[in-house]
Amino acid sequence: MERLIRTIKEEEVYLSEYEGYQDAYRQIGRFIEEVYACKRIHSSLGYLTPMKFELQWQENRAADVI
């Protein structure tokens, strides 16, 4: 969790200017959804993005049920 917060600060917050709380909330949410979860690979997830890791996990889980 601490690494996530550090990444958000380094790759979004420190590089952006926000018009207010709502703008910051929206842009940080966009960063998490579009960049952190979809494009940024994570060594702890086998060098997959969180989205690909979750999809792979769901596919494996479905295969185990069948």
Protein backbone atom coordinates (compact mmCIF):
# COMPACT_ATOMS: atom_id res chain seq x y z
CA MET A 1 0.00 0.00 0.00
CA GLU A 2 2.81 2.41 0.84
CA ARG A 3 4.41 1.79 -2.55
CA LEU A 4 1.11 2.56 -4.28
CA ILE A 5 0.84 5.90 -2.51
CA ARG A 6 4.46 6.73 -3.36
CA THR A 7 3.83 5.90 -7.03
CA ILE A 8 0.70 8.06 -7.14
CA LYS A 9 2.62 10.96 -5.62
CA GLU A 10 5.67 10.60 -7.89
CA GLU A 11 3.89 9.87 -11.16
CA GLU A 12 0.73 11.96 -10.80
CA VAL A 13 0.44 14.37 -7.88
CA TYR A 14 3.88 16.01 -8.03
CA LEU A 15 3.60 16.42 -11.82
CA SER A 16 0.11 17.92 -11.90
CA GLU A 17 -1.70 21.07 -10.93
CA TYR A 18 -5.26 20.70 -9.71
CA GLU A 19 -8.02 23.29 -9.76
CA GLY A 20 -9.41 22.00 -6.49
CA TYR A 21 -10.31 18.91 -4.51
CA GLN A 22 -12.78 17.55 -7.09
CA ASP A 23 -10.27 17.95 -9.92
CA ALA A 24 -7.55 16.20 -7.90
CA TYR A 25 -9.96 13.38 -6.99
CA ARG A 26 -10.93 12.93 -10.64
CA GLN A 27 -7.39 13.03 -12.04
CA ILE A 28 -5.91 10.73 -9.40
CA GLY A 29 -8.78 8.29 -10.00
CA ARG A 30 -8.06 8.43 -13.73
CA PHE A 31 -4.38 7.74 -13.06
CA ILE A 32 -5.19 4.68 -10.97
CA GLU A 33 -7.69 3.29 -13.49
CA GLU A 34 -5.86 4.10 -16.74
CA VAL A 35 -2.18 3.97 -15.82
CA TYR A 36 -1.59 2.09 -12.57
CA ALA A 37 -4.07 -0.74 -13.18
CA CYS A 38 -3.83 -1.06 -16.97
CA LYS A 39 -0.34 -0.05 -18.11
CA ARG A 40 2.07 -0.30 -15.19
CA ILE A 41 3.59 -3.74 -14.66
CA HIS A 42 4.27 -5.01 -11.13
CA SER A 43 7.07 -7.38 -10.18
CA SER A 44 4.97 -8.82 -7.35
CA LEU A 45 2.36 -9.86 -9.94
CA GLY A 46 4.80 -11.68 -12.19
CA TYR A 47 5.45 -8.56 -14.28
CA LEU A 48 1.80 -8.24 -15.28
CA THR A 49 -0.48 -5.25 -14.90
CA PRO A 50 -3.05 -5.60 -12.11
CA MET A 51 -5.80 -5.87 -14.72
CA LYS A 52 -4.04 -8.68 -16.64
CA PHE A 53 -3.22 -10.45 -13.39
CA GLU A 54 -6.86 -10.38 -12.31
CA LEU A 55 -8.07 -11.60 -15.70
CA GLN A 56 -5.55 -14.44 -15.64
CA TRP A 57 -6.58 -15.33 -12.09
CA GLN A 58 -10.26 -15.42 -13.07
CA GLU A 59 -9.50 -17.60 -16.11
CA ASN A 60 -7.49 -20.04 -13.97
CA ARG A 61 -10.23 -20.09 -11.36
CA ALA A 62 -12.87 -20.84 -14.00
CA ALA A 63 -10.69 -23.63 -15.42
CA ASP A 64 -10.37 -25.17 -11.94
CA VAL A 65 -14.15 -25.23 -11.54
CA ILE A 66 -14.67 -27.04 -14.83
